[in-house]
Amino acid sequence: MSTSRSQERRQESLSLATQLLDGALLFSRAAAERFPEPKELKRAIRDSIDPERSLGHSDR
């Protein structure tokens, strides 16, 4: 596999782990160098849509 194809595949895998909501970045695996915890994504989505809403046990 050529270097450019390898870099392209890496970019594809990183972009799959970038979470967007209405164009706003919620989480970037590339920036965090890890996958997000479900709790983190739930909180980020809630904070964007309805910050006053409780997530119940996920807020603790």
N, C-alpha and C. Protein backbone atom coordinates (compact mmCIF):
# COMPACT_ATOMS: atom_id res chain seq x y z
N MET A 1 0.86 -1.18 0.00
CA MET A 1 0.00 0.00 0.00
C MET A 1 0.90 1.24 0.00
N SER A 2 0.57 2.20 -0.84
CA SER A 2 1.38 3.41 -0.92
C SER A 2 1.17 4.27 0.33
N THR A 3 2.15 5.14 0.54
CA THR A 3 2.07 6.01 1.72
C THR A 3 0.84 6.91 1.65
N SER A 4 0.55 7.46 0.48
CA SER A 4 -0.60 8.36 0.37
C SER A 4 -1.91 7.61 0.64
N ARG A 5 -2.02 6.37 0.18
CA ARG A 5 -3.23 5.57 0.44
C ARG A 5 -3.34 5.26 1.93
N SER A 6 -2.21 4.96 2.56
CA SER A 6 -2.19 4.69 3.99
C SER A 6 -2.64 5.92 4.78
N GLN A 7 -2.15 7.08 4.39
CA GLN A 7 -2.54 8.32 5.07
C GLN A 7 -4.02 8.60 4.83
N GLU A 8 -4.49 8.31 3.63
CA GLU A 8 -5.90 8.51 3.30
C GLU A 8 -6.79 7.62 4.16
N ARG A 9 -6.39 6.36 4.33
CA ARG A 9 -7.17 5.44 5.16
C ARG A 9 -7.18 5.90 6.61
N ARG A 10 -6.04 6.42 7.09
CA ARG A 10 -5.96 6.92 8.47
C ARG A 10 -6.91 8.10 8.63
N GLN A 11 -6.93 9.02 7.67
CA GLN A 11 -7.84 10.15 7.72
C GLN A 11 -9.29 9.68 7.74
N GLU A 12 -9.62 8.68 6.94
CA GLU A 12 -10.98 8.14 6.91
C GLU A 12 -11.36 7.59 8.28
N SER A 13 -10.46 6.85 8.91
CA SER A 13 -10.78 6.25 10.21
C SER A 13 -10.91 7.33 11.27
N LEU A 14 -10.10 8.38 11.19
CA LEU A 14 -10.21 9.47 12.16
C LEU A 14 -11.50 10.25 11.95
N SER A 15 -11.88 10.45 10.70
CA SER A 15 -13.10 11.22 10.45
C SER A 15 -14.33 10.46 10.91
N LEU A 16 -14.28 9.14 10.89
CA LEU A 16 -15.41 8.35 11.36
C LEU A 16 -15.62 8.53 12.86
N ALA A 17 -14.59 8.93 13.57
CA ALA A 17 -14.69 9.11 15.01
C ALA A 17 -14.84 10.58 15.39
N THR A 18 -15.14 11.42 14.43
CA THR A 18 -15.42 12.82 14.70
C THR A 18 -16.93 12.97 14.76
N GLN A 19 -17.43 13.42 15.89
CA GLN A 19 -18.86 13.53 16.11
C GLN A 19 -19.31 14.97 15.92
N LEU A 20 -20.24 15.18 15.00
CA LEU A 20 -20.77 16.50 14.71
C LEU A 20 -22.27 16.55 14.97
N LEU A 21 -22.76 17.71 15.37
CA LEU A 21 -24.19 17.95 15.52
C LEU A 21 -24.47 19.32 14.93
N ASP A 22 -25.25 19.36 13.87
CA ASP A 22 -25.55 20.60 13.16
C ASP A 22 -24.27 21.37 12.81
N GLY A 23 -23.23 20.63 12.44
CA GLY A 23 -21.97 21.23 12.02
C GLY A 23 -21.03 21.59 13.16
N ALA A 24 -21.49 21.49 14.40
CA ALA A 24 -20.65 21.80 15.56
C ALA A 24 -19.92 20.54 16.02
N LEU A 25 -18.64 20.66 16.28
CA LEU A 25 -17.83 19.54 16.74
C LEU A 25 -18.20 19.16 18.17
N LEU A 26 -18.58 17.91 18.37
CA LEU A 26 -18.88 17.41 19.71
C LEU A 26 -17.68 16.66 20.28
N PHE A 27 -17.02 15.89 19.43
CA PHE A 27 -15.87 15.10 19.88
C PHE A 27 -15.01 14.76 18.69
N SER A 28 -13.71 14.84 18.87
CA SER A 28 -12.77 14.46 17.83
C SER A 28 -11.79 13.44 18.39
N ARG A 29 -11.81 12.25 17.83
CA ARG A 29 -10.86 11.22 18.25
C ARG A 29 -9.43 11.67 17.97
N ALA A 30 -9.22 12.36 16.88
CA ALA A 30 -7.89 12.83 16.52
C ALA A 30 -7.35 13.79 17.58
N ALA A 31 -8.18 14.71 18.03
CA ALA A 31 -7.74 15.69 19.03
C ALA A 31 -7.55 15.04 20.40
N ALA A 32 -8.47 14.15 20.78
CA ALA A 32 -8.41 13.52 22.09
C ALA A 32 -7.48 12.31 22.13
N GLU A 33 -7.15 11.79 20.94
CA GLU A 33 -6.31 10.59 20.81
C GLU A 33 -6.91 9.39 21.53
N ARG A 34 -8.24 9.31 21.49
CA ARG A 34 -8.97 8.19 22.08
C ARG A 34 -10.40 8.22 21.57
N PHE A 35 -11.13 7.16 21.79
CA PHE A 35 -12.55 7.13 21.45
C PHE A 35 -13.34 7.75 22.60
N PRO A 36 -14.47 8.36 22.31
CA PRO A 36 -15.27 8.97 23.38
C PRO A 36 -16.01 7.92 24.20
N GLU A 37 -16.22 8.23 25.44
CA GLU A 37 -17.08 7.40 26.28
C GLU A 37 -18.52 7.75 25.93
N PRO A 38 -19.43 6.79 25.98
CA PRO A 38 -20.84 7.09 25.68
C PRO A 38 -21.38 8.25 26.51
N LYS A 39 -20.98 8.30 27.76
CA LYS A 39 -21.41 9.35 28.67
C LYS A 39 -21.00 10.74 28.15
N GLU A 40 -19.79 10.83 27.58
CA GLU A 40 -19.30 12.09 27.04
C GLU A 40 -20.15 12.55 25.85
N LEU A 41 -20.46 11.61 24.97
CA LEU A 41 -21.28 11.96 23.80
C LEU A 41 -22.68 12.35 24.21
N LYS A 42 -23.27 11.61 25.13
CA LYS A 42 -24.62 11.95 25.61
C LYS A 42 -24.65 13.36 26.19
N ARG A 43 -23.64 13.67 27.01
CA ARG A 43 -23.58 14.99 27.64
C ARG A 43 -23.38 16.08 26.59
N ALA A 44 -22.52 15.86 25.62
CA ALA A 44 -22.27 16.86 24.58
C ALA A 44 -23.52 17.11 23.75
N ILE A 45 -24.23 16.05 23.40
CA ILE A 45 -25.47 16.20 22.63
C ILE A 45 -26.51 16.93 23.45
N ARG A 46 -26.68 16.52 24.70
CA ARG A 46 -27.66 17.19 25.57
C ARG A 46 -27.31 18.67 25.73
N ASP A 47 -26.03 18.98 25.95
CA ASP A 47 -25.62 20.37 26.15
C ASP A 47 -25.90 21.22 24.91
N SER A 48 -25.83 20.62 23.73
CA SER A 48 -26.12 21.35 22.50
C SER A 48 -27.61 21.53 22.26
N ILE A 49 -28.39 20.53 22.61
CA ILE A 49 -29.82 20.55 22.31
C ILE A 49 -30.65 21.16 23.43
N ASP A 50 -30.43 20.72 24.66
CA ASP A 50 -31.25 21.14 25.79
C ASP A 50 -30.42 21.10 27.08
N PRO A 51 -29.60 22.12 27.32
CA PRO A 51 -28.68 22.10 28.46
C PRO A 51 -29.35 21.98 29.83
N GLU A 52 -30.60 22.35 29.93
CA GLU A 52 -31.30 22.27 31.21
C GLU A 52 -31.81 20.87 31.51
N ARG A 53 -31.85 20.01 30.52
CA ARG A 53 -32.38 18.66 30.69
C ARG A 53 -31.40 17.76 31.45
N SER A 54 -31.93 16.93 32.31
CA SER A 54 -31.12 16.00 33.08
C SER A 54 -30.92 14.71 32.29
N LEU A 55 -29.74 14.13 32.42
CA LEU A 55 -29.48 12.83 31.82
C LEU A 55 -29.66 11.70 32.85
N GLY A 56 -30.19 12.05 33.98
CA GLY A 56 -30.39 11.03 35.01
C GLY A 56 -29.07 10.53 35.56
N HIS A 57 -28.90 9.23 35.55
CA HIS A 57 -27.69 8.64 36.15
C HIS A 57 -26.42 9.03 35.40
N SER A 58 -26.50 9.44 34.14
CA SER A 58 -25.31 9.85 33.39
C SER A 58 -24.75 11.18 33.86
N ASP A 59 -25.57 11.98 34.55
CA ASP A 59 -25.11 13.27 35.07
C ASP A 59 -24.33 13.14 36.37
N ARG A 60 -24.39 12.01 36.99
CA ARG A 60 -23.74 11.86 38.30
C ARG A 60 -22.27 11.61 38.18
